[in-house]
Amino acid sequence: MRRPSPLPPPPAPGRDDGAAPAPVVPILPERRIDPAPAPQATPPEPPRAEPPVGPVGMRDVWRASRARRRALRAEVRRFTARQRRRRMLWLGIAAAVVLLVLGTVGAAYSPLFAVERIEVVGTSTLDPAAVTDALAAQVGTPLPLVDESEVKAALVQFPLVESYTLEAQPPHGLLVRIVERTPVGVLETRAGFTVVDAAGVALATTAQAPSGQPMLQIEGGVGSRAFTAAGMVMRSLPEPIRLQVTAVSATTADDVTLTLGGTDTTVVWGSAEDSAEKAVVLERAMISRPPADVVSYDVSSPKAIVVRLAPGRRILPGMWRHARVGPAAGRRATYLQIRNCIPSNSLTL
């Protein structure tokens, strides 16, 4: 129901200022508003009839259990999807690596990497072609299958071979590095003249004495300590001095003696101890006093060597001097003791 509008206020008494009278607002009749119709109530649904519950058999239990397991498996797959993807990735990487290794091994042991070329290096006296011919049986063999025992058996027939190494050079190369034995002299035997190295290994035997090798006069043969000392001394000599040696003699391990050809100068070496230092001192003494002017060099004591001059050679000022041996001497100077074979000209410092 609508409320009517209020009436205007009455004019104030005694006030007449000639203004127009206020308009009169009529009172409208009251409008009647019908209320909205109430919504009709929905009739309730009739109760559904429950299915009849019968007896539960084993098949029904099995079906329910299978449905439950299926639902559980579905949930497990949903929650482990990321883990399964990561596992599949690692399995794929592992399979690729295995295939790569198998492919590489298969190719390495196949004819794709067979030996077709044999190269021999490190020989100076030995003929490389002869070594290559001895290893010809390895041609056609895959590089990983090269039989080292067969290679050793083929190289044993060369006495000059001291050691060797094999290097594969894919795809078809085989490199053989050979270290030859160093001959130290010639021994006179019943079979002739035998060239031996420092270990006493016979390198060659000839009817005539080979040139360029010193004659060895060792008491006790190649198995004695005197021969071992003589071999060590010969291997410690510098190349220029070793080429001048024509004879080596020793009765014990402490009295090795060398003979320089051309002048028949004797080098009293003594034992094989300090051979490197003795070699340096001898080389400097030979530069100061050449073998043509000297009867013998005594380097058995490298800290004070003795040089014996040839007859007719007198000691002159400046014939002796300090000679620094090097690091092996611990920075101590070596004094050259010069003894002339003429008694009046002997001098010992």
Protein backbone atom coordinates (compact mmCIF):
# COMPACT_ATOMS: atom_id res chain seq x y z
CA MET A 1 0.00 0.00 0.00
CA ARG A 2 1.42 3.38 -1.06
CA ARG A 3 1.75 6.17 1.44
CA PRO A 4 0.16 9.54 0.35
CA SER A 5 2.34 12.58 -0.24
CA PRO A 6 2.55 15.12 2.65
CA LEU A 7 0.53 18.32 2.49
CA PRO A 8 2.28 21.65 1.95
CA PRO A 9 2.78 23.82 5.06
CA PRO A 10 0.26 26.64 5.65
CA PRO A 11 1.35 30.24 4.99
CA ALA A 12 2.65 32.30 7.89
CA PRO A 13 0.04 34.65 9.48
CA GLY A 14 0.27 38.40 8.78
CA ARG A 15 2.54 37.96 5.81
CA ASP A 16 1.11 39.11 2.53
CA ASP A 17 3.78 40.14 0.15
CA GLY A 18 1.65 39.83 -2.98
CA ALA A 19 3.10 36.44 -3.85
CA ALA A 20 1.16 33.99 -5.83
CA PRO A 21 -0.76 31.44 -3.85
CA ALA A 22 0.89 28.06 -3.49
CA PRO A 23 -0.44 25.37 -5.76
CA VAL A 24 -2.83 22.88 -4.37
CA VAL A 25 -1.75 19.28 -4.72
CA PRO A 26 -4.71 16.97 -5.00
CA ILE A 27 -4.81 13.84 -2.97
CA LEU A 28 -4.78 10.81 -5.23
CA PRO A 29 -6.74 7.81 -4.31
CA GLU A 30 -4.75 5.00 -2.81
CA ARG A 31 -3.55 2.35 -5.29
CA ARG A 32 -3.80 -1.17 -4.29
CA ILE A 33 -0.97 -3.46 -5.20
CA ASP A 34 -1.74 -7.08 -5.46
CA PRO A 35 0.87 -9.29 -3.84
CA ALA A 36 2.95 -11.61 -6.08
CA PRO A 37 1.57 -15.05 -6.37
CA ALA A 38 3.30 -17.52 -4.15
CA PRO A 39 5.32 -20.21 -6.00
CA GLN A 40 3.67 -23.48 -6.27
CA ALA A 41 5.26 -26.18 -4.19
CA THR A 42 6.87 -29.07 -6.13
CA PRO A 43 5.36 -32.29 -5.17
CA PRO A 44 7.91 -34.66 -3.60
CA GLU A 45 9.22 -37.48 -5.70
CA PRO A 46 7.98 -40.80 -4.81
CA PRO A 47 10.60 -42.95 -3.10
CA ARG A 48 12.48 -45.23 -5.42
CA ALA A 49 12.06 -48.79 -4.91
CA GLU A 50 15.26 -50.49 -3.65
CA PRO A 51 16.43 -53.34 -5.84
CA PRO A 52 15.87 -56.57 -4.24
CA VAL A 53 18.97 -57.76 -2.40
CA GLY A 54 19.70 -61.35 -3.15
CA PRO A 55 22.40 -63.67 -1.95
CA VAL A 56 26.08 -62.55 -2.81
CA GLY A 57 28.02 -65.20 -4.69
CA MET A 58 31.75 -65.77 -5.27
CA ARG A 59 31.52 -64.37 -8.78
CA ASP A 60 30.21 -61.06 -7.43
CA VAL A 61 33.06 -60.88 -4.92
CA TRP A 62 35.59 -61.63 -7.65
CA ARG A 63 34.13 -58.94 -9.93
CA ALA A 64 34.22 -56.36 -7.15
CA SER A 65 37.78 -57.26 -6.28
CA ARG A 66 38.86 -56.99 -9.92
CA ALA A 67 37.17 -53.61 -10.26
CA ARG A 68 38.92 -52.43 -7.13
CA ARG A 69 42.30 -53.58 -8.42
CA ARG A 70 41.70 -51.84 -11.73
CA ALA A 71 40.87 -48.60 -9.99
CA LEU A 72 43.95 -48.92 -7.79
CA ARG A 73 46.19 -49.56 -10.79
CA ALA A 74 44.76 -46.57 -12.57
CA GLU A 75 45.53 -44.36 -9.59
CA VAL A 76 49.07 -45.72 -9.35
CA ARG A 77 49.67 -45.05 -13.06
CA ARG A 78 48.35 -41.55 -12.72
CA PHE A 79 50.62 -40.69 -9.77
CA THR A 80 53.76 -42.39 -11.19
CA ALA A 81 53.54 -41.06 -14.76
CA ARG A 82 56.56 -38.72 -14.34
CA GLN A 83 58.66 -41.42 -12.74
CA ARG A 84 57.84 -43.84 -15.56
CA ARG A 85 58.82 -41.24 -18.18
CA ARG A 86 62.14 -40.63 -16.43
CA ARG A 87 62.80 -44.37 -16.24
CA MET A 88 62.08 -44.81 -19.93
CA LEU A 89 64.48 -41.97 -20.75
CA TRP A 90 67.34 -43.57 -18.80
CA LEU A 91 66.59 -46.97 -20.30
CA GLY A 92 66.77 -45.45 -23.77
CA ILE A 93 70.13 -43.81 -23.03
CA ALA A 94 71.54 -47.05 -21.62
CA ALA A 95 70.34 -49.01 -24.63
CA ALA A 96 71.97 -46.49 -26.99
CA VAL A 97 75.30 -46.74 -25.13
CA VAL A 98 75.19 -50.54 -25.19
CA LEU A 99 74.47 -50.56 -28.90
CA LEU A 100 77.31 -48.10 -29.52
CA VAL A 101 79.79 -50.23 -27.53
CA LEU A 102 78.69 -53.42 -29.24
CA GLY A 103 78.94 -51.79 -32.64
CA THR A 104 82.43 -50.43 -31.90
CA VAL A 105 83.70 -53.77 -30.59
CA GLY A 106 82.17 -55.61 -33.50
CA ALA A 107 83.77 -53.26 -36.00
CA ALA A 108 87.16 -53.42 -34.24
CA TYR A 109 87.22 -57.22 -34.39
CA SER A 110 86.01 -57.31 -37.97
CA PRO A 111 88.09 -57.18 -41.17
CA LEU A 112 87.40 -53.44 -41.28
CA PHE A 113 90.41 -52.98 -38.93
CA ALA A 114 92.67 -55.72 -40.25
CA VAL A 115 96.44 -55.23 -40.44
CA GLU A 116 97.55 -54.27 -43.94
CA ARG A 117 100.79 -52.37 -43.25
CA ILE A 118 103.66 -53.12 -40.82
CA GLU A 119 106.21 -50.38 -40.10
CA VAL A 120 109.47 -51.00 -38.22
CA VAL A 121 111.32 -48.08 -36.57
CA GLY A 122 114.33 -47.75 -34.26
CA THR A 123 116.75 -49.97 -36.15
CA SER A 124 120.26 -48.90 -37.09
CA THR A 125 122.12 -52.18 -37.62
CA LEU A 126 119.16 -54.47 -38.10
CA ASP A 127 117.45 -54.63 -41.51
CA PRO A 128 113.84 -53.35 -41.17
CA ALA A 129 112.75 -55.35 -44.23
CA ALA A 130 113.84 -58.59 -42.55
CA VAL A 131 111.78 -57.76 -39.48
CA THR A 132 108.75 -56.92 -41.63
CA ASP A 133 109.04 -60.24 -43.46
CA ALA A 134 109.23 -62.08 -40.13
CA LEU A 135 105.95 -60.45 -39.03
CA ALA A 136 104.14 -61.08 -42.31
CA ALA A 137 101.88 -63.64 -40.62
CA GLN A 138 100.08 -60.80 -38.80
CA VAL A 139 98.85 -59.25 -42.05
CA GLY A 140 95.08 -59.69 -42.30
CA THR A 141 94.61 -60.07 -38.54
CA PRO A 142 92.31 -57.53 -36.82
CA LEU A 143 94.35 -55.08 -34.76
CA PRO A 144 92.92 -56.18 -31.36
CA LEU A 145 93.68 -59.82 -32.22
CA VAL A 146 97.39 -59.40 -32.99
CA ASP A 147 99.09 -62.20 -31.08
CA GLU A 148 101.98 -60.79 -29.05
CA SER A 149 103.38 -64.25 -28.38
CA GLU A 150 103.70 -64.86 -32.13
CA VAL A 151 105.36 -61.47 -32.55
CA LYS A 152 107.81 -62.30 -29.77
CA ALA A 153 108.58 -65.68 -31.33
CA ALA A 154 109.26 -63.97 -34.66
CA LEU A 155 111.60 -61.37 -33.12
CA VAL A 156 113.57 -63.81 -30.98
CA GLN A 157 115.50 -64.89 -34.06
CA PHE A 158 117.08 -61.41 -34.19
CA PRO A 159 119.74 -61.23 -31.43
CA LEU A 160 120.13 -57.49 -31.92
CA VAL A 161 116.59 -56.84 -30.64
CA GLU A 162 116.77 -55.91 -26.97
CA SER A 163 113.14 -54.81 -26.54
CA TYR A 164 110.17 -53.85 -28.66
CA THR A 165 106.72 -52.29 -28.42
CA LEU A 166 103.66 -52.63 -30.63
CA GLU A 167 101.45 -49.67 -31.49
CA ALA A 168 98.18 -49.97 -33.39
CA GLN A 169 97.58 -47.29 -35.99
CA PRO A 170 93.95 -47.66 -37.10
CA PRO A 171 92.53 -48.55 -39.42
CA HIS A 172 95.20 -50.79 -40.98
CA GLY A 173 98.65 -49.89 -39.54
CA LEU A 174 100.87 -51.75 -37.06
CA LEU A 175 103.96 -49.92 -35.77
CA VAL A 176 106.85 -51.92 -34.26
CA ARG A 177 109.35 -49.89 -32.21
CA ILE A 178 112.62 -51.76 -31.68
CA VAL A 179 115.46 -50.98 -29.27
CA GLU A 180 118.67 -52.60 -30.46
CA ARG A 181 121.35 -54.02 -28.23
CA THR A 182 124.53 -51.96 -27.96
CA PRO A 183 127.67 -54.03 -28.61
CA VAL A 184 130.51 -53.45 -26.15
CA GLY A 185 133.23 -55.56 -27.76
CA VAL A 186 134.40 -58.80 -29.31
CA LEU A 187 135.29 -62.00 -27.49
CA GLU A 188 137.54 -64.55 -29.12
CA THR A 189 135.98 -68.01 -28.78
CA ARG A 190 136.43 -71.42 -30.35
CA ALA A 191 133.76 -70.61 -32.90
CA GLY A 192 135.51 -67.42 -33.92
CA PHE A 193 135.00 -63.81 -32.91
CA THR A 194 131.70 -63.13 -31.13
CA VAL A 195 130.23 -59.65 -30.71
CA VAL A 196 128.54 -59.29 -27.31
CA ASP A 197 126.58 -56.60 -25.52
CA ALA A 198 126.79 -55.47 -21.89
CA ALA A 199 124.57 -58.36 -20.78
CA GLY A 200 126.80 -60.95 -22.48
CA VAL A 201 124.30 -61.74 -25.23
CA ALA A 202 126.04 -62.94 -28.40
CA LEU A 203 124.98 -60.72 -31.27
CA ALA A 204 127.03 -62.17 -34.11
CA THR A 205 129.89 -64.61 -34.68
CA THR A 206 132.38 -64.29 -37.54
CA ALA A 207 135.62 -65.98 -38.54
CA GLN A 208 137.47 -62.67 -38.68
CA ALA A 209 137.54 -59.97 -36.02
CA PRO A 210 134.95 -57.33 -36.97
CA SER A 211 136.22 -53.81 -37.41
CA GLY A 212 135.04 -51.01 -35.18
CA GLN A 213 134.63 -53.16 -32.05
CA PRO A 214 137.20 -53.39 -29.20
CA MET A 215 138.69 -56.71 -28.21
CA LEU A 216 137.64 -57.89 -24.75
CA GLN A 217 140.12 -59.65 -22.50
CA ILE A 218 138.00 -60.49 -19.47
CA GLU A 219 139.00 -63.06 -16.89
CA GLY A 220 136.08 -65.32 -16.05
CA GLY A 221 134.06 -64.82 -19.23
CA VAL A 222 130.71 -63.14 -19.71
CA GLY A 223 129.33 -64.45 -16.41
CA SER A 224 131.96 -62.80 -14.21
CA ARG A 225 131.75 -59.55 -12.27
CA ALA A 226 134.70 -58.26 -14.26
CA PHE A 227 132.68 -58.55 -17.48
CA THR A 228 129.71 -56.76 -15.88
CA ALA A 229 131.96 -53.89 -14.78
CA ALA A 230 133.59 -53.66 -18.22
CA GLY A 231 130.18 -53.56 -19.90
CA MET A 232 128.99 -50.74 -17.63
CA VAL A 233 132.16 -48.77 -18.33
CA MET A 234 131.78 -49.12 -22.11
CA ARG A 235 128.15 -47.99 -22.00
CA SER A 236 129.05 -44.91 -19.95
CA LEU A 237 131.67 -43.64 -22.41
CA PRO A 238 130.78 -40.73 -24.71
CA GLU A 239 130.55 -41.63 -28.37
CA PRO A 240 133.81 -39.87 -29.43
CA ILE A 241 135.84 -41.76 -26.78
CA ARG A 242 134.10 -45.09 -27.36
CA LEU A 243 135.05 -44.99 -31.04
CA GLN A 244 138.73 -44.67 -30.03
CA VAL A 245 138.73 -47.70 -27.70
CA THR A 246 140.39 -50.75 -29.32
CA ALA A 247 140.79 -53.03 -26.28
CA VAL A 248 139.23 -53.58 -22.86
CA SER A 249 140.83 -55.72 -20.16
CA ALA A 250 139.79 -56.62 -16.63
CA THR A 251 140.81 -59.30 -14.17
CA THR A 252 138.46 -58.15 -11.42
CA ALA A 253 135.60 -55.70 -11.15
CA ASP A 254 137.97 -53.01 -9.81
CA ASP A 255 140.68 -52.88 -12.45
CA VAL A 256 139.02 -52.14 -15.79
CA THR A 257 141.57 -50.76 -18.29
CA LEU A 258 140.92 -49.29 -21.74
CA THR A 259 143.31 -48.91 -24.65
CA LEU A 260 142.92 -46.10 -27.15
CA GLY A 261 143.92 -47.12 -30.67
CA GLY A 262 146.36 -45.18 -32.79
CA THR A 263 148.43 -43.98 -29.84
CA ASP A 264 148.20 -47.04 -27.57
CA THR A 265 147.27 -44.73 -24.71
CA THR A 266 146.04 -46.54 -21.62
CA VAL A 267 143.08 -45.40 -19.53
CA VAL A 268 143.10 -46.80 -15.99
CA TRP A 269 139.43 -46.79 -15.11
CA GLY A 270 139.25 -48.87 -11.96
CA SER A 271 135.77 -49.96 -10.88
CA ALA A 272 132.49 -49.10 -12.56
CA GLU A 273 131.49 -46.75 -9.73
CA ASP A 274 131.15 -43.06 -10.65
CA SER A 275 131.50 -43.98 -14.32
CA ALA A 276 129.53 -40.95 -15.49
CA GLU A 277 131.79 -38.58 -13.55
CA LYS A 278 134.91 -40.39 -14.74
CA ALA A 279 133.76 -40.10 -18.36
CA VAL A 280 133.36 -36.30 -18.03
CA VAL A 281 136.77 -35.92 -16.39
CA LEU A 282 138.46 -38.11 -19.03
CA GLU A 283 136.86 -36.17 -21.87
CA ARG A 284 138.13 -32.85 -20.49
CA ALA A 285 141.60 -34.27 -19.82
CA MET A 286 141.82 -35.55 -23.39
CA ILE A 287 140.92 -32.08 -24.66
CA SER A 288 143.60 -30.50 -22.45
CA ARG A 289 146.26 -33.12 -23.24
CA PRO A 290 145.49 -35.15 -26.41
CA PRO A 291 146.29 -38.89 -26.35
CA ALA A 292 149.24 -38.36 -28.72
CA ASP A 293 151.13 -36.64 -25.87
CA VAL A 294 150.02 -38.98 -23.10
CA VAL A 295 151.03 -42.47 -22.05
CA SER A 296 148.11 -43.05 -19.70
CA TYR A 297 145.13 -41.39 -18.04
CA ASP A 298 144.34 -42.59 -14.53
CA VAL A 299 140.71 -41.72 -13.67
CA SER A 300 140.24 -44.35 -10.98
CA SER A 301 139.86 -41.42 -8.58
CA PRO A 302 137.80 -38.82 -10.49
CA LYS A 303 138.50 -36.12 -7.90
CA ALA A 304 142.25 -36.21 -8.68
CA ILE A 305 143.21 -37.84 -11.98
CA VAL A 306 146.77 -38.59 -13.05
CA VAL A 307 148.05 -37.95 -16.58
CA ARG A 308 151.38 -39.50 -17.56
CA LEU A 309 153.03 -37.73 -20.46
CA ALA A 310 154.94 -39.44 -23.23
CA PRO A 311 158.78 -39.37 -23.21
CA GLY A 312 160.17 -36.09 -24.43
CA ARG A 313 157.11 -34.14 -23.29
CA ARG A 314 157.94 -31.66 -20.53
CA ILE A 315 155.60 -29.98 -18.15
CA LEU A 316 155.00 -26.43 -19.18
CA PRO A 317 153.21 -23.67 -17.28
CA GLY A 318 149.47 -23.87 -17.89
CA MET A 319 149.45 -27.67 -18.42
CA TRP A 320 147.37 -28.10 -15.29
CA ARG A 321 144.30 -26.20 -14.30
CA HIS A 322 141.11 -26.53 -12.34
CA ALA A 323 138.46 -28.52 -14.15
CA ARG A 324 134.93 -28.29 -12.79
CA VAL A 325 133.30 -31.69 -13.18
CA GLY A 326 129.67 -30.62 -12.97
CA PRO A 327 126.63 -31.43 -10.80
CA ALA A 328 127.81 -34.96 -10.01
CA ALA A 329 130.88 -33.57 -8.22
CA GLY A 330 128.85 -31.32 -5.95
CA ARG A 331 130.54 -28.15 -7.28
CA ARG A 332 133.97 -29.26 -6.10
CA ALA A 333 136.94 -28.66 -8.44
CA THR A 334 139.07 -31.53 -9.72
CA TYR A 335 142.82 -31.04 -9.77
CA LEU A 336 144.72 -32.69 -12.60
CA GLN A 337 147.84 -34.42 -11.27
CA ILE A 338 150.39 -34.59 -14.08
CA ARG A 339 153.26 -37.07 -13.78
CA ASN A 340 155.96 -37.12 -16.45
CA CYS A 341 157.60 -40.47 -17.14
CA ILE A 342 161.00 -38.66 -16.87
CA PRO A 343 161.81 -38.47 -13.14
CA SER A 344 163.24 -34.97 -13.38
CA ASN A 345 160.00 -33.68 -14.79
CA SER A 346 157.57 -35.37 -12.38
CA LEU A 347 155.09 -33.14 -10.63
CA THR A 348 152.31 -33.91 -8.21
CA LEU A 349 149.85 -31.24 -7.17
